[in-house]
Amino acid sequence: MKKIRLDIMALSHSVTQSHNYAVVLGEENGKRRLPIVIGGFEAQAIAVALENMTPNRPLTHDLFRNTLDAYNIHLIEVIINNLLDGVFYAQLICDQDGDIRQIDARTSDAIALAVRFGCPIYTYDFIMESAGVILDEPEEESGASQAPARRKAHALENMSIPNLEKMLEEALSKEEYEKAAKIRDVINSKKGLES
């Protein structure tokens, strides 16, 4: 099976499950996105690593990475390898002196470790076909310049905060996380200017 490389696009509150978060993975050089619902602790572990924060004491994923490093085990890639009944499954592909091992892991833990090791995240096409979503980006499809995207961002900046907040709720309800992130950034910017 052909592997598809994924990048972390967004980390946000889950609209479908309260008290949970969603990590949105994007297909490299593609428009498909793979949203995965994760718990709060796992979201924190991913966010800490993405922001290059160093906690006073190591988090569980930091401890695991330190342990692997101590035994000269390198995480070379993470593969989201299955989807059963709405649950994603993953494997850590590790290398210890040329001996390659596959270790089953929860997908959220695998992503948290991939960020710490700086290793690639992959999945398979059948998973993207069944759980992926395609972003509607007509500007990129037409091959148009980035000017329309800039105009769209400028239009957001001219909107009122209540209208932006309504748009944000709509984007989140449709699980359009990238759009929601852009709207949130404009809201935060506007609120910062008002204070």
Protein backbone atom coordinates (compact mmCIF):
# COMPACT_ATOMS: atom_id res chain seq x y z
CA MET A 1 0.00 0.00 0.00
CA LYS A 2 1.18 3.48 -0.85
CA LYS A 3 1.85 5.70 2.15
CA ILE A 4 0.54 9.28 2.22
CA ARG A 5 2.55 11.81 4.19
CA LEU A 6 0.60 14.02 6.59
CA ASP A 7 1.40 17.33 8.30
CA ILE A 8 -0.24 18.74 11.42
CA MET A 9 -2.48 21.56 10.19
CA ALA A 10 -4.44 22.51 13.31
CA LEU A 11 -5.22 21.59 16.89
CA SER A 12 -8.56 22.80 18.23
CA HIS A 13 -11.60 21.99 20.37
CA SER A 14 -13.72 19.21 18.92
CA VAL A 15 -17.14 20.33 17.76
CA THR A 16 -18.55 16.81 17.73
CA GLN A 17 -17.38 15.74 21.21
CA SER A 18 -17.33 18.19 24.10
CA HIS A 19 -14.28 18.17 26.39
CA ASN A 20 -12.22 16.71 23.55
CA TYR A 21 -9.97 18.17 20.91
CA ALA A 22 -9.30 17.51 17.27
CA VAL A 23 -5.95 17.33 15.58
CA VAL A 24 -6.26 18.00 11.87
CA LEU A 25 -3.68 16.32 9.65
CA GLY A 26 -3.28 17.50 6.07
CA GLU A 27 -2.15 15.51 3.09
CA GLU A 28 1.22 16.80 1.91
CA ASN A 29 0.78 18.44 -1.51
CA GLY A 30 -2.95 17.69 -1.39
CA LYS A 31 -6.27 19.09 -0.23
CA ARG A 32 -7.52 16.23 1.91
CA ARG A 33 -7.58 16.66 5.67
CA LEU A 34 -7.86 13.97 8.32
CA PRO A 35 -9.50 15.20 11.56
CA ILE A 36 -8.88 12.97 14.57
CA VAL A 37 -10.62 13.47 17.92
CA ILE A 38 -8.22 13.23 20.87
CA GLY A 39 -8.34 13.83 24.61
CA GLY A 40 -7.30 16.96 26.46
CA PHE A 41 -4.05 15.53 27.86
CA GLU A 42 -2.97 14.30 24.45
CA ALA A 43 -3.82 17.69 22.90
CA GLN A 44 -1.69 19.36 25.57
CA ALA A 45 1.19 16.97 24.88
CA ILE A 46 1.05 17.77 21.15
CA ALA A 47 0.69 21.53 21.73
CA VAL A 48 3.66 21.64 24.14
CA ALA A 49 5.88 19.95 21.56
CA LEU A 50 4.59 22.07 18.65
CA GLU A 51 5.30 25.26 20.59
CA ASN A 52 8.78 23.99 21.63
CA MET A 53 7.90 24.53 25.29
CA THR A 54 10.05 22.92 27.96
CA PRO A 55 8.08 21.97 31.09
CA ASN A 56 9.83 21.97 34.48
CA ARG A 57 9.49 18.21 34.64
CA PRO A 58 9.20 15.90 31.63
CA LEU A 59 5.72 14.99 30.46
CA THR A 60 5.01 11.30 29.78
CA HIS A 61 5.86 11.64 26.08
CA ASP A 62 9.11 13.44 26.93
CA LEU A 63 10.00 10.65 29.36
CA PHE A 64 9.28 8.05 26.68
CA ARG A 65 11.47 9.92 24.19
CA ASN A 66 14.29 10.22 26.75
CA THR A 67 14.04 6.48 27.44
CA LEU A 68 14.21 5.60 23.75
CA ASP A 69 17.19 7.93 23.32
CA ALA A 70 18.96 6.31 26.29
CA TYR A 71 18.68 2.90 24.59
CA ASN A 72 19.65 4.26 21.16
CA ILE A 73 16.19 3.63 19.72
CA HIS A 74 15.12 6.10 17.02
CA LEU A 75 11.53 6.73 16.00
CA ILE A 76 11.81 6.92 12.22
CA GLU A 77 8.11 7.30 11.33
CA VAL A 78 4.55 7.03 12.54
CA ILE A 79 1.90 5.28 10.45
CA ILE A 80 -1.82 5.67 11.06
CA ASN A 81 -2.46 2.20 9.77
CA ASN A 82 -6.09 1.36 10.43
CA LEU A 83 -9.57 2.71 11.13
CA LEU A 84 -12.11 0.40 12.76
CA ASP A 85 -15.52 1.54 14.02
CA GLY A 86 -14.40 5.17 14.01
CA VAL A 87 -11.21 4.47 15.99
CA PHE A 88 -7.83 5.20 14.42
CA TYR A 89 -4.89 2.88 15.04
CA ALA A 90 -1.22 3.72 14.67
CA GLN A 91 2.23 2.18 14.75
CA LEU A 92 5.58 3.56 15.77
CA ILE A 93 8.32 2.42 13.40
CA CYS A 94 11.52 2.30 15.43
CA ASP A 95 15.14 1.57 14.56
CA GLN A 96 17.71 0.24 17.02
CA ASP A 97 21.05 -0.32 15.34
CA GLY A 98 19.40 -1.46 12.09
CA ASP A 99 16.77 -3.62 13.79
CA ILE A 100 13.38 -2.20 12.67
CA ARG A 101 10.45 -2.74 15.03
CA GLN A 102 6.76 -1.85 14.79
CA ILE A 103 5.04 -0.88 18.04
CA ASP A 104 1.28 -0.41 18.31
CA ALA A 105 0.23 2.95 19.78
CA ARG A 106 -2.77 5.16 20.25
CA THR A 107 -2.83 7.63 17.38
CA SER A 108 -2.72 10.66 19.69
CA ASP A 109 0.36 9.31 21.49
CA ALA A 110 2.01 8.47 18.17
CA ILE A 111 1.47 12.03 16.92
CA ALA A 112 2.81 13.50 20.18
CA LEU A 113 5.95 11.39 19.79
CA ALA A 114 6.31 12.21 16.08
CA VAL A 115 6.42 15.92 16.96
CA ARG A 116 9.09 15.30 19.61
CA PHE A 117 11.25 13.20 17.31
CA GLY A 118 10.62 15.36 14.24
CA CYS A 119 9.70 12.25 12.27
CA PRO A 120 7.12 12.00 9.46
CA ILE A 121 3.52 10.90 9.94
CA TYR A 122 1.92 8.70 7.27
CA THR A 123 -1.38 7.02 6.54
CA TYR A 124 -2.87 4.97 3.73
CA ASP A 125 -5.27 5.99 0.98
CA PHE A 126 -8.12 3.81 2.25
CA ILE A 127 -8.08 5.77 5.51
CA MET A 128 -8.10 9.11 3.69
CA GLU A 129 -10.93 7.85 1.49
CA SER A 130 -13.11 6.81 4.43
CA ALA A 131 -12.32 9.53 7.01
CA GLY A 132 -10.68 12.37 5.10
CA VAL A 133 -12.38 15.59 4.09
CA ILE A 134 -11.58 17.75 1.09
CA LEU A 135 -11.21 21.47 1.57
CA ASP A 136 -13.06 23.71 -0.83
CA GLU A 137 -10.30 26.02 -2.12
CA PRO A 138 -11.42 27.36 -5.51
CA GLU A 139 -8.61 29.95 -5.70
CA GLU A 140 -5.93 27.25 -5.67
CA GLU A 141 -7.82 24.98 -8.06
CA SER A 142 -8.08 27.69 -10.69
CA GLY A 143 -4.37 28.40 -10.47
CA ALA A 144 -5.15 32.02 -9.62
CA SER A 145 -2.62 34.16 -7.81
CA GLN A 146 -2.66 34.63 -4.05
CA ALA A 147 -4.44 38.01 -4.49
CA PRO A 148 -7.95 36.52 -3.95
CA ALA A 149 -6.78 34.91 -0.69
CA ARG A 150 -5.39 38.25 0.47
CA ARG A 151 -8.68 39.96 -0.44
CA LYS A 152 -10.59 37.32 1.54
CA ALA A 153 -8.36 37.91 4.60
CA HIS A 154 -8.77 41.67 4.19
CA ALA A 155 -12.57 41.21 4.05
CA LEU A 156 -12.46 39.35 7.36
CA GLU A 157 -10.53 42.20 8.95
CA ASN A 158 -13.29 44.62 7.96
CA MET A 159 -16.05 42.56 9.65
CA SER A 160 -17.38 43.19 13.15
CA ILE A 161 -16.42 40.89 16.01
CA PRO A 162 -20.03 39.58 16.46
CA ASN A 163 -20.20 38.67 12.75
CA LEU A 164 -16.77 37.03 12.93
CA GLU A 165 -17.81 35.04 16.00
CA LYS A 166 -20.91 33.82 14.15
CA MET A 167 -18.73 32.78 11.18
CA LEU A 168 -16.36 31.03 13.59
CA GLU A 169 -19.21 28.98 15.09
CA GLU A 170 -20.42 28.01 11.61
CA ALA A 171 -16.92 26.97 10.52
CA LEU A 172 -16.47 24.88 13.67
CA SER A 173 -19.88 23.24 13.29
CA LYS A 174 -18.85 22.20 9.76
CA GLU A 175 -15.44 21.10 11.12
CA GLU A 176 -13.66 23.55 8.80
CA TYR A 177 -10.75 23.92 11.18
CA GLU A 178 -8.35 25.85 8.95
CA LYS A 179 -11.03 28.43 8.15
CA ALA A 180 -11.93 28.61 11.85
CA ALA A 181 -8.30 29.20 12.78
CA LYS A 182 -8.05 32.15 10.36
CA ILE A 183 -11.25 33.67 11.71
CA ARG A 184 -10.09 33.14 15.30
CA ASP A 185 -6.81 34.89 14.53
CA VAL A 186 -8.65 37.91 13.12
CA ILE A 187 -10.93 38.02 16.19
CA ASN A 188 -7.95 37.85 18.55
CA SER A 189 -6.19 40.56 16.57
CA LYS A 190 -9.26 42.83 16.72
CA LYS A 191 -9.77 42.22 20.44
CA GLY A 192 -6.10 43.01 21.04
CA LEU A 193 -6.50 46.33 19.21
CA GLU A 194 -9.60 47.22 21.27
CA SER A 195 -7.97 46.69 24.67
